Amino acid sequence: MTRSSRGLSPVWLLGILTGLNLFNYLDRYVVSAVLTPLQNEFKVSDGVAAQVNTIFMVGYFLTSPFFGFLGDRFSRKWLIAFGIFVWSLGTVLTGFATGFGLLLCYRILVGVGEASYATISPSLISDAYPRSRRNNALTIFYVAIPVGAALGNIIGGLMAKHYGWRWAFIWAGAPGLLLALVLLPFRDPERGQSEPGDNSEKPKLKDVMGLFRLGNYQLVVWGYTAYTFALGAFGLWGPTFLQRVHAVPVDSSGAFFGAVLVVAGLLGTLLGGLAAMRRKKKNPAGYANVLCLSVLSAAPVAVLAFWTTNQAIAMSSLALAMFLIFLCTGPVNTLILETVPVNLRASAMAVSIFCIHLFGDMWSSEIVGRLSDHWKSLQTAVMVLPAALAVAAVLWFILALRMRVVIGPPQRGSESIKAE
């Protein structure tokens, strides 16, 4: 057997995909750390500056259904390689933007590349790991979110302080131009290889549309949309909030936000995954219970973090709120994959990405920016974010009630419609 025909072991596959996911989120979040100097150079208001995130989401969510369609039918390693190269190129080019309009064009490229990777990678992990180990594997994969986001904030803040904001994008994106090739020598896992039965049937368009008639899947996704609305906006405005409301310097706010993302994100993601697995063994609604309790607890803590005028209380409450929010990371993505037929996993992830960004964080950053301009207060504007967490808690509570009655994922294609 030649090297090019070998498949990676599940452990190596998970390790490589997790490492790539770290760079994925590093490239995405570097912009939040350098938003203030970027605004100063291009002389744009909060509402206009937030378009950096909005336009990224346009590229991200609009192309995710296309990549989901391809991911259920064609070689996933080539689609992943394409995504890594495109998002890395877009990040590097952002550092060379000569105007704000051109910068927005480059951020669209970043969104397109990330859409390919984020849509397809979880389906590879699901095929490599059986149901009993899948949530733990996905939890490890999504640990890269807080670590990558933290590195983006830390590197962005340091580079902006010492070399200027442009170098933050150049150094963040450059490694991905080579890492795009890492999976190409190896064979894709077979679709559905970790599930019993024949899962090789390629889904039809009507099967994909049938996802909108799966009640449990819809509750997962719409709760995730409200959650993403809150998380996305504060991911962009968090460092600026600390700078403006509590007079924390640019490099210090980036370092603090990055450190909190690493610690709270790592602990929250890992503990959330472990807690969900333990609850699942005793209760069919275990995953949904963890989702509901985490955001329900995070909402009042976030209110305190945003509203207090005491810097120490604000920063400690912010850290606790982020820990509670990250408890959701593993279970929510596991539920997305396990509430749909095996041969629709990439499509289900794509539809989820489309919905959570079209109705979630595509608008939330700009809404907060516009409200900040209107009220002349970023501190007041961010109060819409705990309200979004409360909406997620309600939807996931309903999901938990349903999962006590409706147990087990649909099997395949049109059979999924009958399962509920």
Protein backbone atom coordinates (compact mmCIF):
# COMPACT_ATOMS: atom_id res chain seq x y z
CA MET A 1 0.00 0.00 0.00
CA THR A 2 1.45 3.39 -0.93
CA ARG A 3 1.52 6.28 1.48
CA SER A 4 -0.98 8.20 -0.62
CA SER A 5 -3.54 5.41 -0.28
CA ARG A 6 -3.20 5.03 3.51
CA GLY A 7 -5.75 6.42 5.86
CA LEU A 8 -4.76 8.21 9.05
CA SER A 9 -5.52 6.62 12.40
CA PRO A 10 -8.44 8.32 14.18
CA VAL A 11 -6.06 9.83 16.75
CA TRP A 12 -3.77 11.35 14.12
CA LEU A 13 -6.71 12.58 12.06
CA LEU A 14 -8.23 14.26 15.12
CA GLY A 15 -4.88 15.79 16.10
CA ILE A 16 -4.25 17.26 12.64
CA LEU A 17 -7.77 18.60 12.24
CA THR A 18 -7.68 20.14 15.73
CA GLY A 19 -4.38 21.86 14.95
CA LEU A 20 -5.78 23.24 11.72
CA ASN A 21 -8.89 24.40 13.56
CA LEU A 22 -6.65 26.38 15.90
CA PHE A 23 -5.25 28.33 12.94
CA ASN A 24 -8.78 28.71 11.63
CA TYR A 25 -9.87 30.64 14.73
CA LEU A 26 -6.56 32.47 15.13
CA ASP A 27 -7.05 34.01 11.70
CA ARG A 28 -10.66 34.85 12.46
CA TYR A 29 -10.12 36.55 15.83
CA VAL A 30 -6.95 38.53 15.17
CA VAL A 31 -9.17 41.33 13.86
CA SER A 32 -10.85 41.90 17.24
CA ALA A 33 -7.51 42.70 18.92
CA VAL A 34 -6.55 45.33 16.32
CA LEU A 35 -9.95 46.90 15.74
CA THR A 36 -9.10 50.19 17.47
CA PRO A 37 -5.91 50.99 15.47
CA LEU A 38 -7.66 49.76 12.31
CA GLN A 39 -10.52 52.20 12.96
CA ASN A 40 -8.06 55.00 13.59
CA GLU A 41 -6.22 54.45 10.31
CA PHE A 42 -9.33 54.19 8.12
CA LYS A 43 -11.32 56.72 10.19
CA VAL A 44 -14.50 54.62 10.48
CA SER A 45 -17.19 54.60 13.18
CA ASP A 46 -18.15 51.61 15.33
CA GLY A 47 -21.06 50.72 13.04
CA VAL A 48 -18.89 50.79 9.93
CA ALA A 49 -15.99 48.97 11.62
CA ALA A 50 -18.34 46.12 12.58
CA GLN A 51 -18.80 45.43 8.86
CA VAL A 52 -15.42 43.67 9.03
CA ASN A 53 -17.22 40.88 10.88
CA THR A 54 -20.45 41.16 8.90
CA ILE A 55 -18.74 40.80 5.54
CA PHE A 56 -16.70 37.84 6.78
CA MET A 57 -19.98 36.15 7.69
CA VAL A 58 -21.39 36.81 4.21
CA GLY A 59 -18.56 34.80 2.67
CA TYR A 60 -18.86 32.20 5.41
CA PHE A 61 -22.55 31.40 5.55
CA LEU A 62 -23.40 31.92 1.87
CA THR A 63 -20.88 29.32 0.70
CA SER A 64 -21.34 26.77 3.51
CA PRO A 65 -24.36 25.02 1.87
CA PHE A 66 -22.32 24.67 -1.32
CA PHE A 67 -19.43 23.05 0.56
CA GLY A 68 -21.86 20.87 2.49
CA PHE A 69 -23.31 19.60 -0.79
CA LEU A 70 -19.81 18.85 -2.09
CA GLY A 71 -18.68 17.33 1.21
CA ASP A 72 -21.34 14.61 1.12
CA ARG A 73 -20.32 13.65 -2.43
CA PHE A 74 -16.63 14.29 -3.19
CA SER A 75 -13.13 14.00 -1.67
CA ARG A 76 -13.15 15.92 1.56
CA LYS A 77 -9.38 16.30 1.93
CA TRP A 78 -9.19 18.39 -1.26
CA LEU A 79 -12.07 20.59 -0.12
CA ILE A 80 -10.34 21.08 3.24
CA ALA A 81 -7.03 21.95 1.53
CA PHE A 82 -8.82 24.51 -0.63
CA GLY A 83 -10.44 26.07 2.42
CA ILE A 84 -7.20 26.38 4.40
CA PHE A 85 -5.36 27.99 1.49
CA VAL A 86 -8.13 30.48 0.74
CA TRP A 87 -8.65 31.65 4.34
CA SER A 88 -4.89 31.98 4.85
CA LEU A 89 -4.47 33.97 1.65
CA GLY A 90 -7.33 36.26 2.62
CA THR A 91 -5.78 36.86 6.05
CA VAL A 92 -2.36 37.75 4.60
CA LEU A 93 -3.91 40.07 2.02
CA THR A 94 -5.87 41.86 4.76
CA GLY A 95 -2.53 43.16 6.02
CA PHE A 96 -1.88 44.77 2.63
CA ALA A 97 -5.28 46.46 2.23
CA THR A 98 -4.91 50.05 1.03
CA GLY A 99 -8.50 51.01 1.82
CA PHE A 100 -11.36 49.86 4.02
CA GLY A 101 -13.38 48.60 1.03
CA LEU A 102 -10.50 46.43 -0.15
CA LEU A 103 -10.03 45.10 3.38
CA LEU A 104 -13.67 43.98 3.37
CA CYS A 105 -13.10 42.09 0.10
CA TYR A 106 -10.20 40.19 1.65
CA ARG A 107 -12.30 39.29 4.71
CA ILE A 108 -14.87 37.71 2.38
CA LEU A 109 -12.09 35.38 1.19
CA VAL A 110 -11.38 34.39 4.78
CA GLY A 111 -15.06 33.53 5.24
CA VAL A 112 -15.18 31.38 2.09
CA GLY A 113 -12.12 29.38 3.15
CA GLU A 114 -13.38 28.84 6.68
CA ALA A 115 -16.78 27.70 5.38
CA SER A 116 -15.17 24.79 3.55
CA TYR A 117 -13.16 23.70 6.59
CA ALA A 118 -15.84 24.16 9.25
CA THR A 119 -18.49 22.37 7.21
CA ILE A 120 -16.51 19.28 6.29
CA SER A 121 -14.06 18.57 9.13
CA PRO A 122 -16.66 17.47 11.74
CA SER A 123 -18.05 14.87 9.33
CA LEU A 124 -14.57 13.34 8.98
CA ILE A 125 -14.30 13.04 12.77
CA SER A 126 -17.80 11.55 13.00
CA ASP A 127 -16.86 8.89 10.46
CA ALA A 128 -13.62 8.07 12.28
CA TYR A 129 -15.12 7.69 15.78
CA PRO A 130 -18.03 5.53 17.00
CA ARG A 131 -20.98 7.09 18.81
CA SER A 132 -19.59 6.19 22.26
CA ARG A 133 -16.40 8.22 21.62
CA ARG A 134 -17.66 10.84 19.18
CA ASN A 135 -18.62 13.58 21.64
CA ASN A 136 -15.21 13.39 23.30
CA ALA A 137 -13.47 13.57 19.91
CA LEU A 138 -15.53 16.56 18.82
CA THR A 139 -14.94 18.23 22.18
CA ILE A 140 -11.17 17.97 21.60
CA PHE A 141 -11.61 19.33 18.06
CA TYR A 142 -13.54 22.35 19.32
CA VAL A 143 -11.05 23.06 22.11
CA ALA A 144 -9.15 24.76 19.29
CA ILE A 145 -11.79 27.51 19.22
CA PRO A 146 -10.81 29.24 22.48
CA VAL A 147 -7.11 28.53 22.00
CA GLY A 148 -7.09 29.87 18.44
CA ALA A 149 -9.25 32.86 19.39
CA ALA A 150 -6.95 33.58 22.33
CA LEU A 151 -3.83 33.41 20.18
CA GLY A 152 -5.51 35.71 17.67
CA ASN A 153 -6.16 38.28 20.39
CA ILE A 154 -2.74 37.92 22.00
CA ILE A 155 -0.74 37.95 18.77
CA GLY A 156 -2.90 40.70 17.32
CA GLY A 157 -2.45 42.92 20.37
CA LEU A 158 1.30 42.39 20.57
CA MET A 159 1.90 42.84 16.85
CA ALA A 160 -0.25 45.98 16.78
CA LYS A 161 1.74 47.46 19.66
CA HIS A 162 5.23 46.70 18.32
CA TYR A 163 4.90 46.54 14.51
CA GLY A 164 1.45 47.85 13.55
CA TRP A 165 -1.87 46.12 12.97
CA ARG A 166 -1.05 45.03 9.40
CA TRP A 167 1.70 42.64 10.50
CA ALA A 168 -0.77 40.86 12.78
CA PHE A 169 -2.69 39.65 9.73
CA ILE A 170 0.41 38.79 7.69
CA TRP A 171 1.98 36.59 10.37
CA ALA A 172 -1.35 35.01 11.34
CA GLY A 173 -2.14 33.91 7.79
CA ALA A 174 1.27 32.87 6.46
CA PRO A 175 1.52 29.38 8.10
CA GLY A 176 -1.76 28.23 6.55
CA LEU A 177 -0.41 28.63 3.03
CA LEU A 178 1.80 25.57 3.74
CA LEU A 179 -0.49 23.71 6.16
CA ALA A 180 -3.11 23.44 3.41
CA LEU A 181 -1.19 20.44 2.03
CA VAL A 182 -1.02 18.37 5.22
CA LEU A 183 -3.95 16.00 4.59
CA LEU A 184 -3.45 15.44 0.87
CA PRO A 185 -1.18 12.35 1.13
CA PHE A 186 -3.82 10.41 3.07
CA ARG A 187 -7.12 8.74 2.24
CA ASP A 188 -10.46 10.09 3.47
CA PRO A 189 -12.31 7.93 6.04
CA GLU A 190 -15.24 6.13 4.44
CA ARG A 191 -18.54 7.88 5.01
CA GLY A 192 -20.45 6.26 7.86
CA GLN A 193 -17.70 3.72 8.59
CA SER A 194 -18.33 4.01 12.35
CA GLU A 195 -22.07 3.29 11.98
CA PRO A 196 -23.79 -0.04 11.34
CA GLY A 197 -25.37 -0.67 7.95
CA ASP A 198 -24.83 0.73 4.48
CA ASN A 199 -24.32 4.47 4.67
CA SER A 200 -22.88 5.04 1.24
CA GLU A 201 -26.07 6.39 -0.34
CA LYS A 202 -25.54 9.91 -1.62
CA PRO A 203 -28.29 12.26 -0.42
CA LYS A 204 -30.67 13.99 -2.80
CA LEU A 205 -31.80 17.59 -2.56
CA LYS A 206 -35.14 16.51 -1.07
CA ASP A 207 -33.25 14.71 1.72
CA VAL A 208 -31.31 17.88 2.53
CA MET A 209 -34.52 19.93 2.55
CA GLY A 210 -35.98 17.33 4.91
CA LEU A 211 -33.63 18.61 7.61
CA PHE A 212 -36.04 21.50 8.09
CA ARG A 213 -38.71 19.03 9.21
CA LEU A 214 -36.61 17.41 11.95
CA GLY A 215 -37.82 18.98 15.20
CA ASN A 216 -34.83 18.14 17.38
CA TYR A 217 -32.33 19.28 14.77
CA GLN A 218 -34.20 22.56 14.34
CA LEU A 219 -34.25 23.26 18.08
CA VAL A 220 -30.50 22.59 18.29
CA VAL A 221 -29.81 24.93 15.38
CA TRP A 222 -32.08 27.82 16.41
CA GLY A 223 -30.79 27.70 19.98
CA TYR A 224 -27.29 27.70 18.52
CA THR A 225 -28.25 30.73 16.41
CA ALA A 226 -29.22 32.79 19.47
CA TYR A 227 -26.06 31.61 21.25
CA THR A 228 -23.91 32.57 18.24
CA PHE A 229 -25.58 36.00 18.05
CA ALA A 230 -24.27 36.72 21.55
CA LEU A 231 -20.87 35.06 21.25
CA GLY A 232 -20.01 36.56 17.86
CA ALA A 233 -20.71 40.16 18.86
CA PHE A 234 -18.73 40.05 22.04
CA GLY A 235 -15.93 38.18 20.28
CA LEU A 236 -15.48 41.31 18.16
CA TRP A 237 -16.28 43.99 20.72
CA GLY A 238 -14.81 42.36 23.86
CA PRO A 239 -11.34 43.94 23.78
CA THR A 240 -12.80 47.29 22.64
CA PHE A 241 -15.33 47.11 25.52
CA LEU A 242 -12.48 46.73 28.01
CA GLN A 243 -10.51 49.53 26.36
CA ARG A 244 -13.38 51.99 26.20
CA VAL A 245 -15.42 51.27 29.34
CA HIS A 246 -12.63 50.29 31.73
CA ALA A 247 -9.63 52.11 30.19
CA VAL A 248 -7.60 48.94 29.63
CA PRO A 249 -4.75 49.53 27.10
CA VAL A 250 -4.95 47.89 23.66
CA ASP A 251 -2.18 45.34 24.25
CA SER A 252 -3.38 44.55 27.80
CA SER A 253 -7.00 44.07 26.75
CA GLY A 254 -5.92 41.72 23.96
CA ALA A 255 -3.69 39.77 26.36
CA PHE A 256 -6.43 39.53 29.02
CA PHE A 257 -9.11 38.53 26.55
CA GLY A 258 -6.75 35.99 25.02
CA ALA A 259 -5.75 34.52 28.39
CA VAL A 260 -9.39 34.22 29.45
CA LEU A 261 -10.27 32.55 26.16
CA VAL A 262 -7.50 29.98 26.68
CA VAL A 263 -8.29 29.15 30.30
CA ALA A 264 -12.09 29.52 30.28
CA GLY A 265 -12.37 28.08 26.79
CA LEU A 266 -10.20 25.05 27.44
CA LEU A 267 -11.74 24.23 30.81
CA GLY A 268 -15.28 25.02 29.67
CA THR A 269 -15.07 23.01 26.46
CA LEU A 270 -13.46 19.98 28.11
CA LEU A 271 -15.65 19.98 31.21
CA GLY A 272 -18.77 20.57 29.11
CA GLY A 273 -17.93 17.58 26.94
CA LEU A 274 -17.26 15.34 29.94
CA ALA A 275 -20.37 16.50 31.79
CA ALA A 276 -22.50 15.92 28.69
CA MET A 277 -21.20 12.37 28.31
CA ARG A 278 -21.94 11.57 31.96
CA ARG A 279 -25.42 13.05 31.74
CA LYS A 280 -26.08 11.20 28.48
CA LYS A 281 -25.43 7.83 30.16
CA LYS A 282 -28.16 8.54 32.71
CA ASN A 283 -30.54 10.65 30.65
CA PRO A 284 -31.29 10.67 26.90
CA ALA A 285 -31.54 14.44 27.11
CA GLY A 286 -28.11 14.77 28.73
CA TYR A 287 -26.53 16.83 25.96
CA ALA A 288 -29.49 19.19 25.78
CA ASN A 289 -29.51 19.61 29.59
CA VAL A 290 -25.89 20.78 29.55
CA LEU A 291 -26.67 23.27 26.76
CA CYS A 292 -29.64 24.74 28.59
CA LEU A 293 -27.98 25.02 32.00
CA SER A 294 -24.78 26.58 30.64
CA VAL A 295 -26.42 29.51 28.82
CA LEU A 296 -29.04 29.97 31.53
CA SER A 297 -26.22 30.44 34.05
CA ALA A 298 -24.11 32.60 31.71
CA ALA A 299 -26.81 35.22 31.02
CA PRO A 300 -26.97 36.90 34.50
CA VAL A 301 -23.19 36.69 34.90
CA ALA A 302 -22.80 38.48 31.55
CA VAL A 303 -25.22 41.20 32.71
CA LEU A 304 -22.99 41.82 35.72
CA ALA A 305 -19.83 41.83 33.56
CA PHE A 306 -21.26 44.42 31.18
CA TRP A 307 -23.00 46.69 33.66
CA THR A 308 -20.69 47.04 36.63
CA THR A 309 -18.40 50.05 36.73
CA ASN A 310 -15.81 48.16 38.78
CA GLN A 311 -13.01 46.95 36.53
CA ALA A 312 -12.06 43.92 38.66
CA ILE A 313 -15.66 42.71 38.94
CA ALA A 314 -16.22 43.26 35.23
CA MET A 315 -13.17 41.28 34.21
CA SER A 316 -13.75 38.40 36.62
CA SER A 317 -17.44 38.18 35.67
CA LEU A 318 -16.48 38.23 32.01
CA ALA A 319 -14.12 35.29 32.59
CA LEU A 320 -16.82 33.30 34.40
CA ALA A 321 -19.44 34.05 31.73
CA MET A 322 -17.08 32.86 29.00
CA PHE A 323 -16.36 29.65 30.93
CA LEU A 324 -20.09 28.93 31.20
CA ILE A 325 -20.68 29.71 27.54
CA PHE A 326 -17.92 27.36 26.39
CA LEU A 327 -19.53 24.42 28.20
CA CYS A 328 -21.79 24.19 25.12
CA THR A 329 -19.11 23.74 22.48
CA GLY A 330 -18.80 19.96 22.27
CA PRO A 331 -22.41 18.91 23.00
CA VAL A 332 -24.05 21.32 20.56
CA ASN A 333 -21.97 20.11 17.60
CA THR A 334 -22.43 16.48 18.60
CA LEU A 335 -26.20 16.99 18.64
CA ILE A 336 -26.13 18.60 15.20
CA LEU A 337 -24.50 15.45 13.81
CA GLU A 338 -26.50 12.91 15.81
CA THR A 339 -29.98 14.28 15.14
CA VAL A 340 -29.66 13.71 11.37
CA PRO A 341 -29.05 10.72 9.06
CA VAL A 342 -25.45 9.55 8.68
CA ASN A 343 -25.29 10.43 4.98
CA LEU A 344 -26.42 14.01 5.65
CA ARG A 345 -23.84 15.03 8.22
CA ALA A 346 -21.87 17.48 6.09
CA SER A 347 -25.13 18.95 4.80
CA ALA A 348 -26.51 19.22 8.34
CA MET A 349 -23.38 21.04 9.48
CA ALA A 350 -23.63 23.31 6.42
CA VAL A 351 -27.29 24.17 7.08
CA SER A 352 -26.40 24.84 10.71
CA ILE A 353 -23.56 27.17 9.72
CA PHE A 354 -25.84 28.94 7.24
CA CYS A 355 -28.53 29.53 9.87
CA ILE A 356 -26.40 30.47 12.85
CA HIS A 357 -24.54 33.09 10.84
CA LEU A 358 -27.33 34.44 8.63
CA PHE A 359 -29.59 34.93 11.65
CA GLY A 360 -26.89 35.13 14.33
CA ASP A 361 -23.47 36.72 14.33
CA MET A 362 -23.61 38.11 10.81
CA TRP A 363 -25.71 40.96 12.19
CA SER A 364 -24.98 40.96 15.91
CA SER A 365 -21.62 42.76 15.76
CA GLU A 366 -23.02 45.49 13.55
CA ILE A 367 -26.21 45.76 15.63
CA VAL A 368 -24.11 46.34 18.74
CA GLY A 369 -21.97 48.87 16.84
CA ARG A 370 -25.01 50.75 15.54
CA LEU A 371 -26.62 50.75 18.99
CA SER A 372 -23.36 52.03 20.44
CA ASP A 373 -23.34 54.90 17.92
CA HIS A 374 -27.02 55.65 18.60
CA TRP A 375 -26.86 55.53 22.40
CA LYS A 376 -23.30 56.88 22.58
CA SER A 377 -22.55 53.96 24.89
CA LEU A 378 -20.98 50.61 24.05
CA GLN A 379 -21.71 49.51 27.61
CA THR A 380 -25.46 49.87 27.02
CA ALA A 381 -25.33 48.33 23.56
CA VAL A 382 -23.80 45.02 24.67
CA MET A 383 -26.72 44.38 27.02
CA VAL A 384 -28.61 42.82 24.09
CA LEU A 385 -26.23 39.87 24.26
CA PRO A 386 -27.39 38.31 27.57
CA ALA A 387 -30.94 38.52 26.22
CA ALA A 388 -29.87 36.36 23.27
CA LEU A 389 -28.42 33.79 25.68
CA ALA A 390 -31.78 33.65 27.45
CA VAL A 391 -33.50 32.85 24.13
CA ALA A 392 -31.04 30.00 23.56
CA ALA A 393 -31.80 28.65 27.04
CA VAL A 394 -35.54 28.51 26.28
CA LEU A 395 -35.09 26.67 22.97
CA TRP A 396 -32.66 24.15 24.44
CA PHE A 397 -34.99 23.57 27.40
CA ILE A 398 -37.72 22.60 24.93
CA LEU A 399 -35.21 20.32 23.18
CA ALA A 400 -34.38 18.60 26.48
CA LEU A 401 -38.07 17.94 27.09
CA ARG A 402 -38.49 16.48 23.59
CA MET A 403 -35.44 14.26 23.86
CA ARG A 404 -36.88 12.54 26.90
CA VAL A 405 -39.63 11.30 24.59
CA VAL A 406 -38.10 11.16 21.10
CA ILE A 407 -34.92 9.10 21.40
CA GLY A 408 -32.43 8.14 18.73
CA PRO A 409 -31.29 9.71 15.48
CA PRO A 410 -32.98 9.24 12.13
CA GLN A 411 -31.36 6.64 9.90
CA ARG A 412 -31.12 7.73 6.28
CA GLY A 413 -32.54 10.09 3.69
CA SER A 414 -36.31 10.21 3.55
CA GLU A 415 -36.53 7.87 6.57
CA SER A 416 -35.41 10.83 8.67
CA ILE A 417 -38.68 12.58 8.03
CA LYS A 418 -40.67 9.69 9.46
CA ALA A 419 -38.51 9.38 12.56
CA GLU A 420 -40.32 12.22 14.27
